[in-house]
């Protein structure tokens, strides 16, 4: 199985990626061996995952999520702040 995932960084920013092993990938991010972006923003916390049959589907979804606005991502992961 392939996964698209979102982690929330210590600074509140969101990072999206894809993997075949979510637990191992989050551990790598938190060990400073994940993406360059998350290395200085540790620890990260897993906030969203999607399952996909193929690597191509997971990578396509990663690309689509990365093109979303922050507000759209927050809505998708259920952390949208209410107005007012």
PDB file of N, CA and C in Angstrom:
ATOM      1  N   UNK A   1       0.847  -1.179   0.000  1.00  0.00           N
ATOM      2  CA  UNK A   1       0.000   0.000   0.000  1.00  0.00           C
ATOM      3  C   UNK A   1       0.895   1.246   0.000  1.00  0.00           C
ATOM      4  N   UNK A   2       0.420   2.301  -0.621  1.00  0.00           N
ATOM      5  CA  UNK A   2       1.113   3.590  -0.675  1.00  0.00           C
ATOM      6  C   UNK A   2       0.246   4.619   0.032  1.00  0.00           C
ATOM      7  N   UNK A   3       0.899   5.591   0.630  1.00  0.00           N
ATOM      8  CA  UNK A   3       0.174   6.578   1.440  1.00  0.00           C
ATOM      9  C   UNK A   3       0.602   7.995   1.093  1.00  0.00           C
ATOM     10  N   UNK A   4      -0.356   8.885   1.135  1.00  0.00           N
ATOM     11  CA  UNK A   4      -0.096  10.318   1.119  1.00  0.00           C
ATOM     12  C   UNK A   4      -0.363  10.769   2.549  1.00  0.00           C
ATOM     13  N   UNK A   5       0.503  11.614   3.075  1.00  0.00           N
ATOM     14  CA  UNK A   5       0.354  12.008   4.480  1.00  0.00           C
ATOM     15  C   UNK A   5       0.646  13.492   4.663  1.00  0.00           C
ATOM     16  N   UNK A   6       0.141  14.015   5.776  1.00  0.00           N
ATOM     17  CA  UNK A   6       0.446  15.387   6.181  1.00  0.00           C
ATOM     18  C   UNK A   6       0.916  15.333   7.627  1.00  0.00           C
ATOM     19  N   UNK A   7       2.029  15.997   7.898  1.00  0.00           N
ATOM     20  CA  UNK A   7       2.487  16.159   9.277  1.00  0.00           C
ATOM     21  C   UNK A   7       2.428  17.642   9.618  1.00  0.00           C
ATOM     22  N   UNK A   8       2.163  17.897  10.882  1.00  0.00           N
ATOM     23  CA  UNK A   8       2.188  19.270  11.390  1.00  0.00           C
ATOM     24  C   UNK A   8       3.517  19.449  12.098  1.00  0.00           C
ATOM     25  N   UNK A   9       4.243  20.484  11.717  1.00  0.00           N
ATOM     26  CA  UNK A   9       5.555  20.762  12.293  1.00  0.00           C
ATOM     27  C   UNK A   9       5.410  21.564  13.584  1.00  0.00           C
ATOM     28  N   UNK A  10       6.502  21.616  14.343  1.00  0.00           N
ATOM     29  CA  UNK A  10       6.528  22.336  15.609  1.00  0.00           C
ATOM     30  C   UNK A  10       6.071  23.790  15.453  1.00  0.00           C
ATOM     31  N   UNK A  11       6.400  24.400  14.315  1.00  0.00           N
ATOM     32  CA  UNK A  11       6.037  25.807  14.096  1.00  0.00           C
ATOM     33  C   UNK A  11       4.609  25.970  13.564  1.00  0.00           C
ATOM     34  N   UNK A  12       3.855  24.867  13.464  1.00  0.00           N
ATOM     35  CA  UNK A  12       2.472  24.937  12.997  1.00  0.00           C
ATOM     36  C   UNK A  12       2.322  24.786  11.495  1.00  0.00           C
ATOM     37  N   UNK A  13       3.427  24.743  10.773  1.00  0.00           N
ATOM     38  CA  UNK A  13       3.346  24.569   9.329  1.00  0.00           C
ATOM     39  C   UNK A  13       3.002  23.114   9.007  1.00  0.00           C
ATOM     40  N   UNK A  14       2.531  22.900   7.787  1.00  0.00           N
ATOM     41  CA  UNK A  14       2.135  21.564   7.348  1.00  0.00           C
ATOM     42  C   UNK A  14       3.060  21.091   6.242  1.00  0.00           C
ATOM     43  N   UNK A  15       3.450  19.823   6.309  1.00  0.00           N
ATOM     44  CA  UNK A  15       4.285  19.222   5.280  1.00  0.00           C
ATOM     45  C   UNK A  15       3.559  18.006   4.726  1.00  0.00           C
ATOM     46  N   UNK A  16       3.515  17.888   3.404  1.00  0.00           N
ATOM     47  CA  UNK A  16       2.846  16.772   2.737  1.00  0.00           C
ATOM     48  C   UNK A  16       3.880  15.921   2.013  1.00  0.00           C
ATOM     49  N   UNK A  17       3.706  14.606   2.111  1.00  0.00           N
ATOM     50  CA  UNK A  17       4.601  13.684   1.423  1.00  0.00           C
ATOM     51  C   UNK A  17       3.887  12.391   1.092  1.00  0.00           C
ATOM     52  N   UNK A  18       4.637  11.440   0.548  1.00  0.00           N
ATOM     53  CA  UNK A  18       4.085  10.115   0.279  1.00  0.00           C
ATOM     54  C   UNK A  18       5.106   9.070   0.738  1.00  0.00           C
ATOM     55  N   UNK A  19       4.619   7.884   1.053  1.00  0.00           N
ATOM     56  CA  UNK A  19       5.482   6.825   1.552  1.00  0.00           C
ATOM     57  C   UNK A  19       4.784   5.470   1.435  1.00  0.00           C
ATOM     58  N   UNK A  20       5.533   4.414   1.687  1.00  0.00           N
ATOM     59  CA  UNK A  20       4.932   3.083   1.778  1.00  0.00           C
ATOM     60  C   UNK A  20       4.812   2.644   3.235  1.00  0.00           C
ATOM     61  N   UNK A  21       5.417   3.407   4.156  1.00  0.00           N
ATOM     62  CA  UNK A  21       5.384   3.084   5.581  1.00  0.00           C
ATOM     63  C   UNK A  21       5.285   4.377   6.384  1.00  0.00           C
ATOM     64  N   UNK A  22       4.079   4.730   6.771  1.00  0.00           N
ATOM     65  CA  UNK A  22       3.837   6.023   7.427  1.00  0.00           C
ATOM     66  C   UNK A  22       4.595   6.128   8.747  1.00  0.00           C
ATOM     67  N   UNK A  23       4.498   5.098   9.582  1.00  0.00           N
ATOM     68  CA  UNK A  23       5.156   5.150  10.889  1.00  0.00           C
ATOM     69  C   UNK A  23       6.659   5.373  10.745  1.00  0.00           C
ATOM     70  N   UNK A  24       7.277   4.614   9.871  1.00  0.00           N
ATOM     71  CA  UNK A  24       8.718   4.730   9.640  1.00  0.00           C
ATOM     72  C   UNK A  24       9.084   6.108   9.095  1.00  0.00           C
ATOM     73  N   UNK A  25       8.251   6.646   8.219  1.00  0.00           N
ATOM     74  CA  UNK A  25       8.521   7.953   7.620  1.00  0.00           C
ATOM     75  C   UNK A  25       8.427   9.073   8.654  1.00  0.00           C
ATOM     76  N   UNK A  26       7.419   9.019   9.518  1.00  0.00           N
ATOM     77  CA  UNK A  26       7.283  10.037  10.569  1.00  0.00           C
ATOM     78  C   UNK A  26       8.465   9.941  11.530  1.00  0.00           C
ATOM     79  N   UNK A  27       8.874   8.718  11.853  1.00  0.00           N
ATOM     80  CA  UNK A  27      10.057   8.538  12.707  1.00  0.00           C
ATOM     81  C   UNK A  27      11.294   9.139  12.044  1.00  0.00           C
ATOM     82  N   UNK A  28      11.421   8.967  10.733  1.00  0.00           N
ATOM     83  CA  UNK A  28      12.560   9.541  10.005  1.00  0.00           C
ATOM     84  C   UNK A  28      12.522  11.066  10.058  1.00  0.00           C
ATOM     85  N   UNK A  29      11.342  11.648   9.865  1.00  0.00           N
ATOM     86  CA  UNK A  29      11.215  13.108   9.975  1.00  0.00           C
ATOM     87  C   UNK A  29      11.676  13.566  11.360  1.00  0.00           C
ATOM     88  N   UNK A  30      11.218  12.879  12.398  1.00  0.00           N
ATOM     89  CA  UNK A  30      11.547  13.286  13.765  1.00  0.00           C
ATOM     90  C   UNK A  30      12.991  13.009  14.147  1.00  0.00           C
ATOM     91  N   UNK A  31      13.663  12.144  13.396  1.00  0.00           N
ATOM     92  CA  UNK A  31      15.084  11.877  13.625  1.00  0.00           C
ATOM     93  C   UNK A  31      15.972  12.818  12.808  1.00  0.00           C
ATOM     94  N   UNK A  32      15.339  13.709  12.035  1.00  0.00           N
ATOM     95  CA  UNK A  32      16.105  14.638  11.214  1.00  0.00           C
ATOM     96  C   UNK A  32      16.567  14.030   9.907  1.00  0.00           C
ATOM     97  N   UNK A  33      16.022  12.857   9.557  1.00  0.00           N
ATOM     98  CA  UNK A  33      16.425  12.169   8.337  1.00  0.00           C
ATOM     99  C   UNK A  33      15.336  12.191   7.282  1.00  0.00           C
ATOM    100  N   UNK A  34      14.297  12.970   7.512  1.00  0.00           N
ATOM    101  CA  UNK A  34      13.226  13.094   6.537  1.00  0.00           C
ATOM    102  C   UNK A  34      13.556  14.216   5.571  1.00  0.00           C
ATOM    103  N   UNK A  35      12.581  14.965   5.201  1.00  0.00           N
ATOM    104  CA  UNK A  35      12.760  16.068   4.257  1.00  0.00           C
ATOM    105  C   UNK A  35      13.557  17.214   4.886  1.00  0.00           C
ATOM    106  N   UNK A  36      14.258  17.940   4.049  1.00  0.00           N
ATOM    107  CA  UNK A  36      15.014  19.104   4.500  1.00  0.00           C
ATOM    108  C   UNK A  36      14.089  20.106   5.211  1.00  0.00           C
ATOM    109  N   UNK A  37      12.864  20.229   4.688  1.00  0.00           N
ATOM    110  CA  UNK A  37      11.897  21.179   5.262  1.00  0.00           C
ATOM    111  C   UNK A  37      11.604  20.868   6.725  1.00  0.00           C
ATOM    112  N   UNK A  38      11.421  19.608   7.060  1.00  0.00           N
ATOM    113  CA  UNK A  38      11.022  19.248   8.424  1.00  0.00           C
ATOM    114  C   UNK A  38      12.207  19.150   9.387  1.00  0.00           C
ATOM    115  N   UNK A  39      13.400  19.066   8.861  1.00  0.00           N
ATOM    116  CA  UNK A  39      14.592  18.867   9.694  1.00  0.00           C
ATOM    117  C   UNK A  39      14.714  19.929  10.788  1.00  0.00           C
ATOM    118  N   UNK A  40      14.460  21.177  10.465  1.00  0.00           N
ATOM    119  CA  UNK A  40      14.586  22.263  11.440  1.00  0.00           C
ATOM    120  C   UNK A  40      13.254  22.605  12.109  1.00  0.00           C
ATOM    121  N   UNK A  41      12.224  21.815  11.842  1.00  0.00           N
ATOM    122  CA  UNK A  41      10.898  22.102  12.391  1.00  0.00           C
ATOM    123  C   UNK A  41      10.376  20.938  13.240  1.00  0.00           C
ATOM    124  N   UNK A  42      11.282  20.157  13.779  1.00  0.00           N
ATOM    125  CA  UNK A  42      10.913  19.001  14.595  1.00  0.00           C
ATOM    126  C   UNK A  42      10.508  19.421  15.989  1.00  0.00           C
ATOM    127  N   UNK A  43       9.687  18.622  16.655  1.00  0.00           N
ATOM    128  CA  UNK A  43       9.114  17.373  16.173  1.00  0.00           C
ATOM    129  C   UNK A  43       7.915  17.618  15.261  1.00  0.00           C
ATOM    130  N   UNK A  44       7.602  16.604  14.467  1.00  0.00           N
ATOM    131  CA  UNK A  44       6.402  16.663  13.626  1.00  0.00           C
ATOM    132  C   UNK A  44       5.390  15.675  14.172  1.00  0.00           C
ATOM    133  N   UNK A  45       4.116  15.939  13.869  1.00  0.00           N
ATOM    134  CA  UNK A  45       3.025  15.088  14.333  1.00  0.00           C
ATOM    135  C   UNK A  45       2.162  14.724  13.132  1.00  0.00           C
ATOM    136  N   UNK A  46       1.900  13.452  12.952  1.00  0.00           N
ATOM    137  CA  UNK A  46       1.056  12.990  11.857  1.00  0.00           C
ATOM    138  C   UNK A  46      -0.375  13.471  12.088  1.00  0.00           C
ATOM    139  N   UNK A  47      -0.944  14.158  11.073  1.00  0.00           N
ATOM    140  CA  UNK A  47      -2.314  14.668  11.224  1.00  0.00           C
ATOM    141  C   UNK A  47      -3.269  14.164  10.149  1.00  0.00           C
ATOM    142  N   UNK A  48      -2.743  13.485   9.114  1.00  0.00           N
ATOM    143  CA  UNK A  48      -3.627  13.046   8.024  1.00  0.00           C
ATOM    144  C   UNK A  48      -2.947  11.985   7.182  1.00  0.00           C
ATOM    145  N   UNK A  49      -3.698  10.956   6.776  1.00  0.00           N
ATOM    146  CA  UNK A  49      -3.198   9.962   5.828  1.00  0.00           C
ATOM    147  C   UNK A  49      -4.301   9.542   4.868  1.00  0.00           C
ATOM    148  N   UNK A  50      -3.889   9.141   3.695  1.00  0.00           N
ATOM    149  CA  UNK A  50      -4.767   8.544   2.684  1.00  0.00           C
ATOM    150  C   UNK A  50      -4.063   7.323   2.121  1.00  0.00           C
ATOM    151  N   UNK A  51      -4.813   6.258   1.859  1.00  0.00           N
ATOM    152  CA  UNK A  51      -4.251   5.052   1.247  1.00  0.00           C
ATOM    153  C   UNK A  51      -4.463   5.080  -0.256  1.00  0.00           C
ATOM    154  N   UNK A  52      -3.453   4.577  -0.982  1.00  0.00           N
ATOM    155  CA  UNK A  52      -3.535   4.478  -2.444  1.00  0.00           C
ATOM    156  C   UNK A  52      -2.936   3.154  -2.877  1.00  0.00           C
ATOM    157  N   UNK A  53      -3.487   2.569  -3.941  1.00  0.00           N
ATOM    158  CA  UNK A  53      -2.987   1.291  -4.441  1.00  0.00           C
ATOM    159  C   UNK A  53      -1.620   1.418  -5.090  1.00  0.00           C
ATOM    160  N   UNK A  54      -1.382   2.533  -5.796  1.00  0.00           N
ATOM    161  CA  UNK A  54      -0.121   2.658  -6.524  1.00  0.00           C
ATOM    162  C   UNK A  54       0.683   3.864  -6.055  1.00  0.00           C
ATOM    163  N   UNK A  55       1.990   3.792  -6.318  1.00  0.00           N
ATOM    164  CA  UNK A  55       2.893   4.904  -6.021  1.00  0.00           C
ATOM    165  C   UNK A  55       2.460   6.134  -6.810  1.00  0.00           C
ATOM    166  N   UNK A  56       2.069   5.944  -8.062  1.00  0.00           N
ATOM    167  CA  UNK A  56       1.656   7.063  -8.911  1.00  0.00           C
ATOM    168  C   UNK A  56       0.445   7.787  -8.319  1.00  0.00           C
ATOM    169  N   UNK A  57      -0.528   7.031  -7.819  1.00  0.00           N
ATOM    170  CA  UNK A  57      -1.711   7.657  -7.203  1.00  0.00           C
ATOM    171  C   UNK A  57      -1.313   8.468  -5.971  1.00  0.00           C
ATOM    172  N   UNK A  58      -0.440   7.903  -5.142  1.00  0.00           N
ATOM    173  CA  UNK A  58       0.004   8.604  -3.937  1.00  0.00           C
ATOM    174  C   UNK A  58       0.766   9.875  -4.290  1.00  0.00           C
ATOM    175  N   UNK A  59       1.635   9.789  -5.288  1.00  0.00           N
ATOM    176  CA  UNK A  59       2.421  10.952  -5.699  1.00  0.00           C
ATOM    177  C   UNK A  59       1.539  12.024  -6.344  1.00  0.00           C
ATOM    178  N   UNK A  60       0.555  11.612  -7.105  1.00  0.00           N
ATOM    179  CA  UNK A  60      -0.370  12.570  -7.722  1.00  0.00           C
ATOM    180  C   UNK A  60      -1.175  13.298  -6.664  1.00  0.00           C
ATOM    181  N   UNK A  61      -1.614  12.544  -5.652  1.00  0.00           N
ATOM    182  CA  UNK A  61      -2.382  13.164  -4.562  1.00  0.00           C
ATOM    183  C   UNK A  61      -1.498  14.112  -3.754  1.00  0.00           C
ATOM    184  N   UNK A  62      -0.243  13.719  -3.518  1.00  0.00           N
ATOM    185  CA  UNK A  62       0.708  14.596  -2.829  1.00  0.00           C
ATOM    186  C   UNK A  62       0.822  15.924  -3.580  1.00  0.00           C
ATOM    187  N   UNK A  63       0.981  15.853  -4.879  1.00  0.00           N
ATOM    188  CA  UNK A  63       1.103  17.058  -5.702  1.00  0.00           C
ATOM    189  C   UNK A  63      -0.161  17.917  -5.583  1.00  0.00           C
ATOM    190  N   UNK A  64      -1.319  17.281  -5.636  1.00  0.00           N
ATOM    191  CA  UNK A  64      -2.579  18.029  -5.545  1.00  0.00           C
ATOM    192  C   UNK A  64      -2.711  18.716  -4.185  1.00  0.00           C
ATOM    193  N   UNK A  65      -2.354  18.021  -3.131  1.00  0.00           N
ATOM    194  CA  UNK A  65      -2.452  18.611  -1.785  1.00  0.00           C
ATOM    195  C   UNK A  65      -1.466  19.765  -1.644  1.00  0.00           C
ATOM    196  N   UNK A  66      -0.272  19.605  -2.172  1.00  0.00           N
ATOM    197  CA  UNK A  66       0.728  20.681  -2.074  1.00  0.00           C
ATOM    198  C   UNK A  66       0.282  21.941  -2.804  1.00  0.00           C
ATOM    199  N   UNK A  67      -0.602  21.811  -3.767  1.00  0.00           N
ATOM    200  CA  UNK A  67      -1.116  22.978  -4.496  1.00  0.00           C
ATOM    201  C   UNK A  67      -2.282  23.651  -3.776  1.00  0.00           C
ATOM    202  N   UNK A  68      -2.816  23.020  -2.722  1.00  0.00           N
ATOM    203  CA  UNK A  68      -3.933  23.593  -1.963  1.00  0.00           C
ATOM    204  C   UNK A  68      -3.449  24.755  -1.105  1.00  0.00           C
ATOM    205  N   UNK A  69      -4.371  25.621  -0.760  1.00  0.00           N
ATOM    206  CA  UNK A  69      -4.039  26.692   0.183  1.00  0.00           C
ATOM    207  C   UNK A  69      -3.962  26.092   1.584  1.00  0.00           C
ATOM    208  N   UNK A  70      -3.348  26.816   2.485  1.00  0.00           N
ATOM    209  CA  UNK A  70      -3.282  26.364   3.882  1.00  0.00           C
ATOM    210  C   UNK A  70      -4.687  26.158   4.438  1.00  0.00           C
ATOM    211  N   UNK A  71      -5.588  27.083   4.132  1.00  0.00           N
ATOM    212  CA  UNK A  71      -6.961  26.985   4.620  1.00  0.00           C
ATOM    213  C   UNK A  71      -7.635  25.712   4.119  1.00  0.00           C
ATOM    214  N   UNK A  72      -7.420  25.369   2.864  1.00  0.00           N
ATOM    215  CA  UNK A  72      -7.997  24.139   2.307  1.00  0.00           C
ATOM    216  C   UNK A  72      -7.428  22.901   3.002  1.00  0.00           C
ATOM    217  N   UNK A  73      -6.132  22.924   3.280  1.00  0.00           N
ATOM    218  CA  UNK A  73      -5.508  21.804   3.981  1.00  0.00           C
ATOM    219  C   UNK A  73      -6.057  21.676   5.404  1.00  0.00           C
ATOM    220  N   UNK A  74      -6.190  22.803   6.099  1.00  0.00           N
ATOM    221  CA  UNK A  74      -6.732  22.770   7.454  1.00  0.00           C
ATOM    222  C   UNK A  74      -8.157  22.233   7.462  1.00  0.00           C
ATOM    223  N   UNK A  75      -8.940  22.611   6.473  1.00  0.00           N
ATOM    224  CA  UNK A  75     -10.313  22.108   6.353  1.00  0.00           C
ATOM    225  C   UNK A  75     -10.290  20.595   6.123  1.00  0.00           C
ATOM    226  N   UNK A  76      -9.397  20.143   5.273  1.00  0.00           N
ATOM    227  CA  UNK A  76      -9.304  18.724   4.941  1.00  0.00           C
ATOM    228  C   UNK A  76      -8.918  17.881   6.157  1.00  0.00           C
ATOM    229  N   UNK A  77      -8.022  18.384   6.998  1.00  0.00           N
ATOM    230  CA  UNK A  77      -7.582  17.607   8.159  1.00  0.00           C
ATOM    231  C   UNK A  77      -8.438  17.878   9.396  1.00  0.00           C
ATOM    232  N   UNK A  78      -9.469  18.718   9.235  1.00  0.00           N
ATOM    233  CA  UNK A  78     -10.398  18.964  10.340  1.00  0.00           C
ATOM    234  C   UNK A  78      -9.885  19.938  11.382  1.00  0.00           C
ATOM    235  N   UNK A  79      -8.987  20.816  10.995  1.00  0.00           N
ATOM    236  CA  UNK A  79      -8.437  21.795  11.935  1.00  0.00           C
ATOM    237  C   UNK A  79      -8.734  23.227  11.518  1.00  0.00           C
ATOM    238  N   UNK A  80      -9.763  23.389  10.716  1.00  0.00           N
ATOM    239  CA  UNK A  80     -10.102  24.728  10.255  1.00  0.00           C
ATOM    240  C   UNK A  80     -10.548  25.565  11.445  1.00  0.00           C
ATOM    241  N   UNK A  81      -9.999  26.744  11.545  1.00  0.00           N
ATOM    242  CA  UNK A  81     -10.389  27.664  12.605  1.00  0.00           C
ATOM    243  C   UNK A  81     -11.658  28.385  12.195  1.00  0.00           C
ATOM    244  N   UNK A  82     -12.589  28.495  13.102  1.00  0.00           N
ATOM    245  CA  UNK A  82     -13.844  29.171  12.784  1.00  0.00           C
ATOM    246  C   UNK A  82     -13.651  30.677  12.785  1.00  0.00           C
ATOM    247  N   UNK A  83     -14.401  31.325  11.928  1.00  0.00           N
ATOM    248  CA  UNK A  83     -14.329  32.791  11.820  1.00  0.00           C
ATOM    249  C   UNK A  83     -15.036  33.407  13.022  1.00  0.00           C
ATOM    250  N   UNK A  84     -14.494  34.546  13.461  1.00  0.00           N
ATOM    251  CA  UNK A  84     -15.187  35.266  14.525  1.00  0.00           C
ATOM    252  C   UNK A  84     -14.462  35.318  15.725  1.00  0.00           C
TER     253      UNK A  84
END
